[in-house]
Amino acid sequence: MKKVMFVCKRNSCRSQMAEGFAKTLGKGQIEVVSSGLEASRVHPTAVEVMKEIGIDLSEQTSDPLSNFQAQDYDAVISMCGCGVNLPQEWVLQEIFEDWQLDDPDGQPLDTFRRVRDEIKERVNGLVKKLG
C-alpha cells in the first residue's frame, strides 16, 4: 500500500482537508497522514466544510513534519507552494507535487468550500495515479 504525506505551513486547513479526502477516497488503497512545517490546530472551519460533505476531521491532529521520516512515504504533496521550504529528502520521494492552493484561513466560507472542492478533485487524481 502506498503511503502519502500532505504537508503545508501550519497543517490546519488544506493539508487536513486533503488527509480527510484521501482517507475516504483512497480507503484500502493508500495510507495517508498530514503535517506542517509547524504544527498548530485543525481549523474549525475546515472541520465544518468537510462535515457538510460527510467527512469527519474531528479525530485528526496537527503535527510537525519533524515527527516523520521522508523515506517512509511514496508520495509527498505540498499544499501551499511550501515545497521550496521542505528539507530536500521530502522533495526527492517517488512522487512530489506542489499544488499551490489558496489558503482559506481568514477567508469567507465560500473560499473554504472552493478550496475544499479543488482539493477533492486533486486527491481523486492522486488516488487514481497511485492505485
N, C-alpha and C. Protein backbone atom coordinates (compact mmCIF):
# COMPACT_ATOMS: atom_id res chain seq x y z
N MET A 1 0.84 -1.18 0.00
CA MET A 1 0.00 0.00 0.00
C MET A 1 0.89 1.25 0.00
N LYS A 2 0.59 2.19 -0.88
CA LYS A 2 1.36 3.43 -0.97
C LYS A 2 1.05 4.34 0.22
N LYS A 3 2.09 5.06 0.67
CA LYS A 3 1.93 5.97 1.80
C LYS A 3 2.11 7.41 1.31
N VAL A 4 1.15 8.27 1.71
CA VAL A 4 1.12 9.65 1.24
C VAL A 4 1.23 10.62 2.42
N MET A 5 2.03 11.66 2.22
CA MET A 5 2.16 12.75 3.19
C MET A 5 1.69 14.03 2.52
N PHE A 6 0.68 14.68 3.12
CA PHE A 6 0.27 16.02 2.70
C PHE A 6 0.91 16.99 3.68
N VAL A 7 1.61 17.99 3.15
CA VAL A 7 2.31 18.92 4.04
C VAL A 7 1.98 20.36 3.65
N CYS A 8 1.87 21.20 4.66
CA CYS A 8 1.52 22.60 4.48
C CYS A 8 2.30 23.42 5.51
N LYS A 9 2.06 24.72 5.54
CA LYS A 9 2.78 25.55 6.50
C LYS A 9 2.41 25.20 7.94
N ARG A 10 1.10 25.22 8.26
CA ARG A 10 0.67 25.04 9.65
C ARG A 10 -0.17 23.78 9.89
N ASN A 11 -0.45 23.01 8.85
CA ASN A 11 -1.23 21.77 9.00
C ASN A 11 -2.56 22.04 9.70
N SER A 12 -3.29 23.08 9.21
CA SER A 12 -4.57 23.40 9.85
C SER A 12 -5.76 23.33 8.90
N CYS A 13 -5.59 23.68 7.62
CA CYS A 13 -6.73 23.73 6.70
C CYS A 13 -6.56 22.78 5.51
N ARG A 14 -5.73 23.20 4.53
CA ARG A 14 -5.61 22.46 3.27
C ARG A 14 -5.11 21.03 3.46
N SER A 15 -4.04 20.87 4.20
CA SER A 15 -3.48 19.52 4.38
C SER A 15 -4.44 18.64 5.18
N GLN A 16 -5.18 19.25 6.10
CA GLN A 16 -6.15 18.49 6.89
C GLN A 16 -7.31 18.02 6.00
N MET A 17 -7.80 18.91 5.12
CA MET A 17 -8.88 18.52 4.20
C MET A 17 -8.39 17.44 3.24
N ALA A 18 -7.16 17.58 2.75
CA ALA A 18 -6.60 16.57 1.85
C ALA A 18 -6.49 15.22 2.54
N GLU A 19 -6.05 15.22 3.80
CA GLU A 19 -5.96 13.97 4.56
C GLU A 19 -7.34 13.33 4.68
N GLY A 20 -8.35 14.14 5.00
CA GLY A 20 -9.72 13.63 5.11
C GLY A 20 -10.22 13.02 3.81
N PHE A 21 -10.00 13.72 2.70
CA PHE A 21 -10.42 13.20 1.39
C PHE A 21 -9.68 11.92 1.04
N ALA A 22 -8.37 11.91 1.26
CA ALA A 22 -7.56 10.75 0.87
C ALA A 22 -7.94 9.52 1.69
N LYS A 23 -8.24 9.72 2.97
CA LYS A 23 -8.66 8.58 3.81
C LYS A 23 -9.99 8.02 3.32
N THR A 24 -10.85 8.88 2.78
CA THR A 24 -12.16 8.46 2.29
C THR A 24 -12.05 7.90 0.87
N LEU A 25 -11.48 8.69 -0.05
CA LEU A 25 -11.43 8.31 -1.47
C LEU A 25 -10.42 7.20 -1.74
N GLY A 26 -9.40 7.10 -0.89
CA GLY A 26 -8.36 6.09 -1.11
C GLY A 26 -8.42 4.95 -0.12
N LYS A 27 -9.54 4.82 0.56
CA LYS A 27 -9.69 3.80 1.61
C LYS A 27 -9.33 2.42 1.07
N GLY A 28 -8.42 1.73 1.76
CA GLY A 28 -8.00 0.41 1.34
C GLY A 28 -6.94 0.41 0.24
N GLN A 29 -6.62 1.59 -0.31
CA GLN A 29 -5.63 1.70 -1.39
C GLN A 29 -4.36 2.41 -0.95
N ILE A 30 -4.52 3.45 -0.11
CA ILE A 30 -3.36 4.22 0.34
C ILE A 30 -3.46 4.48 1.83
N GLU A 31 -2.30 4.73 2.44
CA GLU A 31 -2.24 5.19 3.83
C GLU A 31 -1.86 6.67 3.75
N VAL A 32 -2.45 7.48 4.62
CA VAL A 32 -2.23 8.91 4.50
C VAL A 32 -2.12 9.60 5.85
N VAL A 33 -1.23 10.59 5.90
CA VAL A 33 -1.11 11.48 7.05
C VAL A 33 -0.87 12.89 6.52
N SER A 34 -1.00 13.87 7.41
CA SER A 34 -0.66 15.23 7.03
C SER A 34 0.19 15.84 8.14
N SER A 35 0.94 16.88 7.76
CA SER A 35 1.79 17.55 8.73
C SER A 35 2.02 18.98 8.25
N GLY A 36 2.72 19.75 9.09
CA GLY A 36 3.05 21.12 8.73
C GLY A 36 4.50 21.43 9.02
N LEU A 37 5.01 22.46 8.37
CA LEU A 37 6.35 22.92 8.70
C LEU A 37 6.38 23.28 10.18
N GLU A 38 5.21 23.71 10.67
CA GLU A 38 4.99 23.87 12.12
C GLU A 38 3.60 23.33 12.41
N ALA A 39 3.36 22.88 13.60
CA ALA A 39 2.03 22.37 13.97
C ALA A 39 1.21 23.52 14.54
N SER A 40 -0.11 23.43 14.41
CA SER A 40 -0.97 24.45 15.00
C SER A 40 -2.23 23.77 15.55
N ARG A 41 -3.32 23.82 14.79
CA ARG A 41 -4.58 23.20 15.19
C ARG A 41 -5.33 22.82 13.92
N VAL A 42 -6.29 21.94 14.05
CA VAL A 42 -7.16 21.66 12.92
C VAL A 42 -8.20 22.78 12.91
N HIS A 43 -8.23 23.55 11.84
CA HIS A 43 -9.07 24.75 11.76
C HIS A 43 -10.55 24.38 11.85
N PRO A 44 -11.29 25.02 12.76
CA PRO A 44 -12.71 24.67 12.94
C PRO A 44 -13.55 24.84 11.66
N THR A 45 -13.20 25.81 10.82
CA THR A 45 -13.97 26.00 9.58
C THR A 45 -13.66 24.88 8.59
N ALA A 46 -12.43 24.37 8.58
CA ALA A 46 -12.11 23.22 7.73
C ALA A 46 -12.93 22.02 8.19
N VAL A 47 -13.02 21.82 9.50
CA VAL A 47 -13.84 20.73 10.04
C VAL A 47 -15.29 20.90 9.60
N GLU A 48 -15.79 22.14 9.67
CA GLU A 48 -17.18 22.44 9.32
C GLU A 48 -17.49 22.15 7.85
N VAL A 49 -16.63 22.64 6.93
CA VAL A 49 -16.94 22.46 5.50
C VAL A 49 -16.76 21.00 5.06
N MET A 50 -15.91 20.25 5.74
CA MET A 50 -15.77 18.83 5.42
C MET A 50 -16.98 18.05 5.96
N LYS A 51 -17.46 18.46 7.13
CA LYS A 51 -18.64 17.81 7.72
C LYS A 51 -19.85 17.97 6.79
N GLU A 52 -19.92 19.12 6.09
CA GLU A 52 -21.02 19.38 5.15
C GLU A 52 -21.12 18.27 4.09
N ILE A 53 -19.99 17.67 3.75
CA ILE A 53 -20.00 16.63 2.71
C ILE A 53 -19.74 15.24 3.30
N GLY A 54 -19.92 15.12 4.61
CA GLY A 54 -19.88 13.81 5.25
C GLY A 54 -18.52 13.28 5.64
N ILE A 55 -17.50 14.15 5.71
CA ILE A 55 -16.17 13.70 6.13
C ILE A 55 -15.84 14.36 7.47
N ASP A 56 -15.49 13.53 8.45
CA ASP A 56 -15.25 13.99 9.82
C ASP A 56 -13.75 14.14 10.07
N LEU A 57 -13.33 15.37 10.34
CA LEU A 57 -11.91 15.63 10.63
C LEU A 57 -11.64 15.74 12.13
N SER A 58 -12.67 15.53 12.96
CA SER A 58 -12.53 15.83 14.39
C SER A 58 -11.48 14.98 15.11
N GLU A 59 -11.12 13.82 14.55
CA GLU A 59 -10.10 12.97 15.19
C GLU A 59 -8.69 13.27 14.68
N GLN A 60 -8.56 14.14 13.67
CA GLN A 60 -7.24 14.44 13.11
C GLN A 60 -6.49 15.41 14.02
N THR A 61 -5.16 15.36 13.94
CA THR A 61 -4.32 16.24 14.76
C THR A 61 -3.39 17.03 13.85
N SER A 62 -2.90 18.14 14.36
CA SER A 62 -1.93 18.95 13.64
C SER A 62 -0.55 18.57 14.15
N ASP A 63 0.29 18.08 13.25
CA ASP A 63 1.60 17.56 13.64
C ASP A 63 2.72 18.19 12.83
N PRO A 64 3.90 18.39 13.46
CA PRO A 64 5.04 18.94 12.72
C PRO A 64 5.68 17.88 11.83
N LEU A 65 6.15 18.31 10.67
CA LEU A 65 6.82 17.41 9.72
C LEU A 65 7.99 16.69 10.38
N SER A 66 8.62 17.35 11.34
CA SER A 66 9.79 16.76 12.01
C SER A 66 9.46 15.47 12.77
N ASN A 67 8.18 15.19 12.98
CA ASN A 67 7.77 13.92 13.63
C ASN A 67 7.84 12.72 12.70
N PHE A 68 8.11 12.96 11.41
CA PHE A 68 8.03 11.90 10.40
C PHE A 68 9.35 11.76 9.64
N GLN A 69 9.54 10.60 8.99
CA GLN A 69 10.73 10.32 8.19
C GLN A 69 10.35 10.26 6.71
N ALA A 70 11.04 11.03 5.88
CA ALA A 70 10.71 11.11 4.45
C ALA A 70 10.71 9.75 3.77
N GLN A 71 11.66 8.88 4.13
CA GLN A 71 11.78 7.59 3.45
C GLN A 71 10.59 6.66 3.70
N ASP A 72 9.73 7.02 4.65
CA ASP A 72 8.54 6.20 4.93
C ASP A 72 7.39 6.47 3.96
N TYR A 73 7.55 7.47 3.06
CA TYR A 73 6.45 7.89 2.19
C TYR A 73 6.79 7.74 0.71
N ASP A 74 5.80 7.30 -0.07
CA ASP A 74 5.95 7.16 -1.52
C ASP A 74 5.62 8.46 -2.24
N ALA A 75 4.66 9.21 -1.68
CA ALA A 75 4.21 10.45 -2.30
C ALA A 75 4.18 11.56 -1.26
N VAL A 76 4.72 12.72 -1.64
CA VAL A 76 4.72 13.89 -0.78
C VAL A 76 4.04 15.01 -1.57
N ILE A 77 2.97 15.55 -0.99
CA ILE A 77 2.21 16.60 -1.66
C ILE A 77 2.26 17.86 -0.80
N SER A 78 2.86 18.91 -1.36
CA SER A 78 2.86 20.22 -0.71
C SER A 78 1.59 20.93 -1.14
N MET A 79 0.86 21.47 -0.18
CA MET A 79 -0.45 22.06 -0.46
C MET A 79 -0.36 23.55 -0.80
N CYS A 80 0.75 24.20 -0.47
CA CYS A 80 0.73 25.66 -0.45
C CYS A 80 1.92 26.30 -1.15
N GLY A 81 2.64 25.54 -1.93
CA GLY A 81 3.83 26.11 -2.52
C GLY A 81 5.00 26.14 -1.55
N CYS A 82 4.86 25.41 -0.43
CA CYS A 82 5.92 25.41 0.58
C CYS A 82 7.01 24.40 0.26
N GLY A 83 6.91 23.74 -0.89
CA GLY A 83 7.91 22.75 -1.27
C GLY A 83 9.33 23.28 -1.20
N VAL A 84 9.50 24.56 -1.54
CA VAL A 84 10.84 25.16 -1.51
C VAL A 84 11.41 25.20 -0.09
N ASN A 85 10.52 25.15 0.90
CA ASN A 85 10.97 25.20 2.30
C ASN A 85 11.13 23.83 2.94
N LEU A 86 10.81 22.78 2.21
CA LEU A 86 10.90 21.44 2.77
C LEU A 86 12.34 20.95 2.77
N PRO A 87 12.72 20.15 3.77
CA PRO A 87 14.03 19.50 3.71
C PRO A 87 14.12 18.67 2.43
N GLN A 88 15.29 18.65 1.81
CA GLN A 88 15.46 18.06 0.48
C GLN A 88 14.98 16.62 0.37
N GLU A 89 15.15 15.83 1.43
CA GLU A 89 14.75 14.41 1.34
C GLU A 89 13.25 14.26 1.08
N TRP A 90 12.44 15.24 1.47
CA TRP A 90 10.99 15.16 1.23
C TRP A 90 10.66 15.39 -0.24
N VAL A 91 11.40 16.29 -0.87
CA VAL A 91 11.15 16.64 -2.27
C VAL A 91 11.62 15.53 -3.21
N LEU A 92 12.50 14.67 -2.73
CA LEU A 92 13.10 13.63 -3.57
C LEU A 92 12.37 12.29 -3.53
N GLN A 93 11.20 12.22 -2.94
CA GLN A 93 10.45 10.97 -2.89
C GLN A 93 9.91 10.62 -4.28
N GLU A 94 9.47 9.36 -4.44
CA GLU A 94 8.99 8.83 -5.72
C GLU A 94 8.05 9.82 -6.42
N ILE A 95 7.10 10.35 -5.69
CA ILE A 95 6.18 11.36 -6.23
C ILE A 95 6.25 12.59 -5.33
N PHE A 96 6.55 13.73 -5.93
CA PHE A 96 6.47 15.00 -5.20
C PHE A 96 5.67 15.97 -6.07
N GLU A 97 4.63 16.56 -5.48
CA GLU A 97 3.84 17.56 -6.19
C GLU A 97 3.63 18.76 -5.28
N ASP A 98 3.63 19.95 -5.87
CA ASP A 98 3.37 21.18 -5.13
C ASP A 98 2.10 21.78 -5.71
N TRP A 99 0.99 21.65 -4.99
CA TRP A 99 -0.32 22.02 -5.52
C TRP A 99 -0.63 23.51 -5.45
N GLN A 100 0.02 24.26 -4.59
CA GLN A 100 -0.13 25.71 -4.51
C GLN A 100 -1.59 26.18 -4.47
N LEU A 101 -2.33 25.66 -3.52
CA LEU A 101 -3.74 26.04 -3.34
C LEU A 101 -3.85 27.28 -2.45
N ASP A 102 -4.87 28.09 -2.68
CA ASP A 102 -5.10 29.28 -1.85
C ASP A 102 -5.30 28.87 -0.40
N ASP A 103 -4.79 29.71 0.52
CA ASP A 103 -5.00 29.48 1.95
C ASP A 103 -6.36 30.06 2.33
N PRO A 104 -7.31 29.21 2.75
CA PRO A 104 -8.63 29.74 3.10
C PRO A 104 -8.69 30.38 4.49
N ASP A 105 -7.65 30.24 5.30
CA ASP A 105 -7.67 30.77 6.67
C ASP A 105 -7.97 32.27 6.64
N GLY A 106 -8.97 32.68 7.42
CA GLY A 106 -9.34 34.09 7.49
C GLY A 106 -10.23 34.55 6.34
N GLN A 107 -10.55 33.63 5.42
CA GLN A 107 -11.38 33.96 4.26
C GLN A 107 -12.83 33.55 4.51
N PRO A 108 -13.76 34.03 3.66
CA PRO A 108 -15.17 33.65 3.82
C PRO A 108 -15.40 32.15 3.60
N LEU A 109 -16.53 31.68 4.09
CA LEU A 109 -16.91 30.27 3.96
C LEU A 109 -16.85 29.79 2.51
N ASP A 110 -17.24 30.64 1.57
CA ASP A 110 -17.22 30.26 0.14
C ASP A 110 -15.81 29.90 -0.31
N THR A 111 -14.79 30.61 0.21
CA THR A 111 -13.41 30.30 -0.15
C THR A 111 -13.02 28.93 0.40
N PHE A 112 -13.40 28.64 1.64
CA PHE A 112 -13.14 27.32 2.21
C PHE A 112 -13.77 26.23 1.33
N ARG A 113 -15.01 26.47 0.89
CA ARG A 113 -15.71 25.46 0.08
C ARG A 113 -15.03 25.30 -1.29
N ARG A 114 -14.61 26.40 -1.91
CA ARG A 114 -13.95 26.32 -3.21
C ARG A 114 -12.63 25.54 -3.08
N VAL A 115 -11.83 25.88 -2.07
CA VAL A 115 -10.55 25.19 -1.87
C VAL A 115 -10.80 23.71 -1.56
N ARG A 116 -11.81 23.43 -0.73
CA ARG A 116 -12.18 22.04 -0.42
C ARG A 116 -12.47 21.27 -1.70
N ASP A 117 -13.26 21.86 -2.60
CA ASP A 117 -13.63 21.17 -3.83
C ASP A 117 -12.43 20.97 -4.76
N GLU A 118 -11.51 21.95 -4.79
CA GLU A 118 -10.27 21.81 -5.57
C GLU A 118 -9.43 20.66 -5.02
N ILE A 119 -9.35 20.59 -3.70
CA ILE A 119 -8.58 19.52 -3.06
C ILE A 119 -9.17 18.16 -3.39
N LYS A 120 -10.50 18.04 -3.35
CA LYS A 120 -11.16 16.77 -3.66
C LYS A 120 -10.78 16.29 -5.05
N GLU A 121 -10.83 17.21 -6.02
CA GLU A 121 -10.50 16.87 -7.40
C GLU A 121 -9.06 16.37 -7.52
N ARG A 122 -8.14 17.07 -6.87
CA ARG A 122 -6.72 16.68 -6.95
C ARG A 122 -6.44 15.37 -6.23
N VAL A 123 -7.07 15.18 -5.07
CA VAL A 123 -6.89 13.94 -4.32
C VAL A 123 -7.42 12.77 -5.14
N ASN A 124 -8.56 12.95 -5.80
CA ASN A 124 -9.11 11.92 -6.68
C ASN A 124 -8.09 11.49 -7.72
N GLY A 125 -7.46 12.48 -8.36
CA GLY A 125 -6.42 12.21 -9.36
C GLY A 125 -5.23 11.48 -8.78
N LEU A 126 -4.82 11.88 -7.58
CA LEU A 126 -3.69 11.25 -6.91
C LEU A 126 -3.98 9.79 -6.58
N VAL A 127 -5.18 9.54 -6.06
CA VAL A 127 -5.57 8.16 -5.70
C VAL A 127 -5.54 7.28 -6.95
N LYS A 128 -6.04 7.81 -8.08
CA LYS A 128 -6.00 7.05 -9.35
C LYS A 128 -4.56 6.77 -9.76
N LYS A 129 -3.71 7.78 -9.66
CA LYS A 129 -2.30 7.65 -10.05
C LYS A 129 -1.59 6.60 -9.22
N LEU A 130 -1.89 6.56 -7.90
CA LEU A 130 -1.22 5.63 -7.01
C LEU A 130 -1.83 4.23 -7.04
N GLY A 131 -3.10 4.15 -7.50
CA GLY A 131 -3.84 2.89 -7.45
C GLY A 131 -3.44 1.89 -8.40
